[in-house]
Amino acid sequence: IMESYVSPALLHDFLQSSNHHYQYWAMEKVMDAAGKVKPAYEEDVAGIIRGKNIFTARFALQKVHPAFFTPARQLWLWDTYNTAAYPLQMAILKKMGGLRLGEAVAVKIASAVTAGNRAQFDAKLALLAEAGKTSGKVQRQLAAQLDGAEASQAAAMYAVLQKINSKDKTVRQQMLRYEQTTHQTEN
């Protein structure tokens, strides 16, 4: 019976509802099997991801196709990360691992790489360590944090910067300063 009443207005209402049963049902109607969202419903799905119900948020986040996250929506997702509860933050970082991150969001992640706990740090650093995601700006953000980071975090960031083999003069100088500081501490 419900199927005969389906309309765009009803789907919008259900997606914006605080009733998770309605939201799940409507998401199944507006996404295909690959997670591609019908354009008319993208903002509603984004609203669910940023919504108060962590379970529907995580479901939508996991189900939605990576193409949903344009560079502008990646920045929106990072803003969502900053206000989300821990379990959703980790789900967001996991989702970002499957995206081709734009430079703007990568720089924001790099500037906040040490914020949070070790699992968050490791997840953010893994995002930045992937090939093609380490522009000069990202490298400079990481290198700038070598001095102030906790020792094991600094060592991990240093290892990533070494792996990247940065040619950036500022990055190389900060890495050298880190090496000298670490070497002095060891003696």
Protein backbone atom coordinates (compact mmCIF):
# COMPACT_ATOMS: atom_id res chain seq x y z
CA ILE A 1 0.00 0.00 0.00
CA MET A 2 2.79 2.42 0.91
CA GLU A 3 4.35 2.14 -2.57
CA SER A 4 1.24 3.63 -4.18
CA TYR A 5 1.64 6.84 -2.14
CA VAL A 6 5.30 7.47 -2.97
CA SER A 7 5.93 10.96 -4.29
CA PRO A 8 8.88 13.36 -4.27
CA ALA A 9 7.23 15.36 -1.49
CA LEU A 10 6.75 12.23 0.64
CA LEU A 11 10.36 11.15 0.10
CA HIS A 12 11.62 14.60 1.12
CA ASP A 13 9.39 14.51 4.21
CA PHE A 14 10.59 11.04 5.15
CA LEU A 15 14.25 11.89 4.62
CA GLN A 16 13.87 14.99 6.81
CA SER A 17 11.85 13.13 9.44
CA SER A 18 13.15 12.39 12.91
CA ASN A 19 11.74 8.86 12.51
CA HIS A 20 14.63 6.62 11.54
CA HIS A 21 12.32 3.98 10.05
CA TYR A 22 11.07 6.56 7.54
CA GLN A 23 14.60 7.73 6.82
CA TYR A 24 15.92 4.23 6.11
CA TRP A 25 12.93 3.45 3.90
CA ALA A 26 13.29 6.70 1.94
CA MET A 27 17.07 6.29 1.53
CA GLU A 28 16.43 2.93 -0.14
CA LYS A 29 14.17 4.75 -2.62
CA VAL A 30 16.52 7.63 -3.46
CA MET A 31 19.80 5.68 -3.78
CA ASP A 32 20.62 2.99 -6.29
CA ALA A 33 22.50 -0.20 -5.41
CA ALA A 34 25.86 1.57 -5.91
CA GLY A 35 24.87 4.35 -3.51
CA LYS A 36 24.30 7.03 -6.13
CA VAL A 37 21.77 9.52 -4.80
CA LYS A 38 19.15 11.02 -7.09
CA PRO A 39 20.15 14.68 -7.46
CA ALA A 40 16.87 16.03 -6.05
CA TYR A 41 17.55 14.27 -2.74
CA GLU A 42 21.25 14.97 -2.20
CA GLU A 43 20.69 17.70 0.38
CA ASP A 44 18.27 15.49 2.30
CA VAL A 45 20.84 12.68 2.44
CA ALA A 46 23.50 15.18 3.50
CA GLY A 47 21.12 16.28 6.26
CA ILE A 48 20.89 12.69 7.49
CA ILE A 49 24.69 12.37 7.56
CA ARG A 50 24.90 15.52 9.66
CA GLY A 51 21.80 14.62 11.67
CA LYS A 52 21.40 13.75 15.33
CA ASN A 53 20.86 10.01 14.85
CA ILE A 54 24.35 8.52 14.62
CA PHE A 55 23.05 5.21 13.29
CA THR A 56 21.18 6.65 10.30
CA ALA A 57 24.08 9.06 9.76
CA ARG A 58 26.60 6.23 9.62
CA PHE A 59 24.31 4.13 7.40
CA ALA A 60 23.93 6.99 4.92
CA LEU A 61 27.64 7.74 5.02
CA GLN A 62 28.60 4.13 4.37
CA LYS A 63 26.02 3.60 1.64
CA VAL A 64 26.48 6.77 -0.39
CA HIS A 65 28.70 6.57 -3.49
CA PRO A 66 32.11 8.31 -3.32
CA ALA A 67 31.11 10.61 -6.23
CA PHE A 68 28.62 12.23 -3.82
CA PHE A 69 31.59 13.87 -2.11
CA THR A 70 32.62 16.63 -4.49
CA PRO A 71 35.48 18.85 -3.29
CA ALA A 72 32.94 21.25 -1.75
CA ARG A 73 31.10 18.40 -0.05
CA GLN A 74 34.42 17.02 1.23
CA LEU A 75 34.92 20.31 3.08
CA TRP A 76 31.36 20.00 4.36
CA LEU A 77 32.15 16.44 5.49
CA TRP A 78 35.24 17.68 7.35
CA ASP A 79 33.10 20.31 9.10
CA THR A 80 30.68 17.51 9.97
CA TYR A 81 33.61 15.49 11.36
CA ASN A 82 34.53 18.38 13.64
CA THR A 83 31.08 18.46 15.25
CA ALA A 84 30.30 14.73 15.22
CA ALA A 85 30.44 12.14 17.98
CA TYR A 86 33.53 9.93 18.05
CA PRO A 87 32.02 6.84 16.34
CA LEU A 88 30.79 8.98 13.43
CA GLN A 89 34.15 10.75 13.26
CA MET A 90 35.85 7.41 12.76
CA ALA A 91 33.26 6.42 10.11
CA ILE A 92 33.92 9.73 8.32
CA LEU A 93 37.67 9.13 8.32
CA LYS A 94 37.07 5.63 6.98
CA LYS A 95 34.83 7.01 4.22
CA MET A 96 37.42 9.64 3.35
CA GLY A 97 39.89 6.80 2.78
CA GLY A 98 37.83 5.80 -0.24
CA LEU A 99 37.70 9.30 -1.69
CA ARG A 100 40.11 11.20 -3.88
CA LEU A 101 40.60 14.04 -1.44
CA GLY A 102 40.87 17.56 -2.74
CA GLU A 103 43.76 19.72 -1.63
CA ALA A 104 41.57 22.06 0.45
CA VAL A 105 40.28 19.25 2.68
CA ALA A 106 43.69 17.57 2.81
CA VAL A 107 45.21 20.80 4.15
CA LYS A 108 42.49 21.00 6.81
CA ILE A 109 43.11 17.39 7.81
CA ALA A 110 46.87 18.00 7.95
CA SER A 111 46.43 21.07 10.14
CA ALA A 112 44.38 19.01 12.61
CA VAL A 113 46.27 15.73 12.32
CA THR A 114 47.36 15.70 15.99
CA ALA A 115 43.94 16.70 17.34
CA GLY A 116 42.14 13.75 18.89
CA ASN A 117 43.25 10.35 20.07
CA ARG A 118 45.78 7.95 18.57
CA ALA A 119 43.24 6.12 16.40
CA GLN A 120 42.11 9.42 14.89
CA PHE A 121 45.70 10.53 14.39
CA ASP A 122 46.59 7.26 12.65
CA ALA A 123 43.51 7.45 10.41
CA LYS A 124 44.17 11.07 9.44
CA LEU A 125 47.85 10.42 8.79
CA ALA A 126 46.96 7.40 6.64
CA LEU A 127 44.68 9.63 4.55
CA LEU A 128 47.51 12.09 4.02
CA ALA A 129 50.15 9.44 3.33
CA GLU A 130 48.31 8.04 0.33
CA ALA A 131 49.82 8.84 -3.02
CA GLY A 132 48.56 11.99 -4.67
CA LYS A 133 47.22 13.50 -1.46
CA THR A 134 50.36 15.20 -0.25
CA SER A 135 50.69 18.54 -1.95
CA GLY A 136 53.32 21.02 -0.81
CA LYS A 137 50.76 22.72 1.44
CA VAL A 138 49.88 19.42 3.10
CA GLN A 139 53.55 18.55 3.56
CA ARG A 140 54.24 21.97 5.10
CA GLN A 141 51.30 21.53 7.50
CA LEU A 142 52.66 18.17 8.65
CA ALA A 143 56.24 19.41 8.94
CA ALA A 144 55.15 22.44 10.95
CA GLN A 145 53.77 20.10 13.62
CA LEU A 146 56.92 18.00 14.07
CA ASP A 147 58.24 20.17 16.90
CA GLY A 148 55.06 20.40 18.95
CA ALA A 149 53.70 16.88 18.55
CA GLU A 150 53.97 14.07 21.06
CA ALA A 151 57.10 12.01 20.31
CA SER A 152 55.43 8.98 18.70
CA GLN A 153 53.16 11.20 16.60
CA ALA A 154 56.13 13.29 15.47
CA ALA A 155 57.99 10.11 14.54
CA ALA A 156 55.02 8.88 12.50
CA MET A 157 54.66 12.23 10.70
CA TYR A 158 58.40 12.27 10.05
CA ALA A 159 58.22 8.77 8.56
CA VAL A 160 55.42 9.87 6.22
CA LEU A 161 57.37 12.95 5.18
CA GLN A 162 60.44 10.77 4.54
CA LYS A 163 58.38 8.39 2.44
CA ILE A 164 57.03 11.29 0.39
CA ASN A 165 60.61 12.46 -0.16
CA SER A 166 59.56 16.09 -0.20
CA LYS A 167 61.56 18.53 -2.28
CA ASP A 168 59.99 21.52 -0.50
CA LYS A 169 62.76 23.58 1.13
CA THR A 170 60.69 24.50 4.20
CA VAL A 171 59.69 20.88 4.77
CA ARG A 172 63.29 19.70 4.40
CA GLN A 173 64.47 22.31 6.92
CA GLN A 174 61.83 21.29 9.46
CA MET A 175 62.69 17.64 8.96
CA LEU A 176 66.38 18.41 9.50
CA ARG A 177 65.57 20.36 12.67
CA TYR A 178 63.49 17.40 13.87
CA GLU A 179 66.36 15.00 13.12
CA GLN A 180 68.80 17.18 15.05
CA THR A 181 66.44 17.55 18.02
CA THR A 182 65.73 13.82 18.09
CA HIS A 183 69.41 12.96 17.75
CA GLN A 184 70.33 15.30 20.63
CA THR A 185 67.67 13.79 22.84
CA GLU A 186 68.92 10.27 22.15
CA ASN A 187 72.50 11.11 23.20
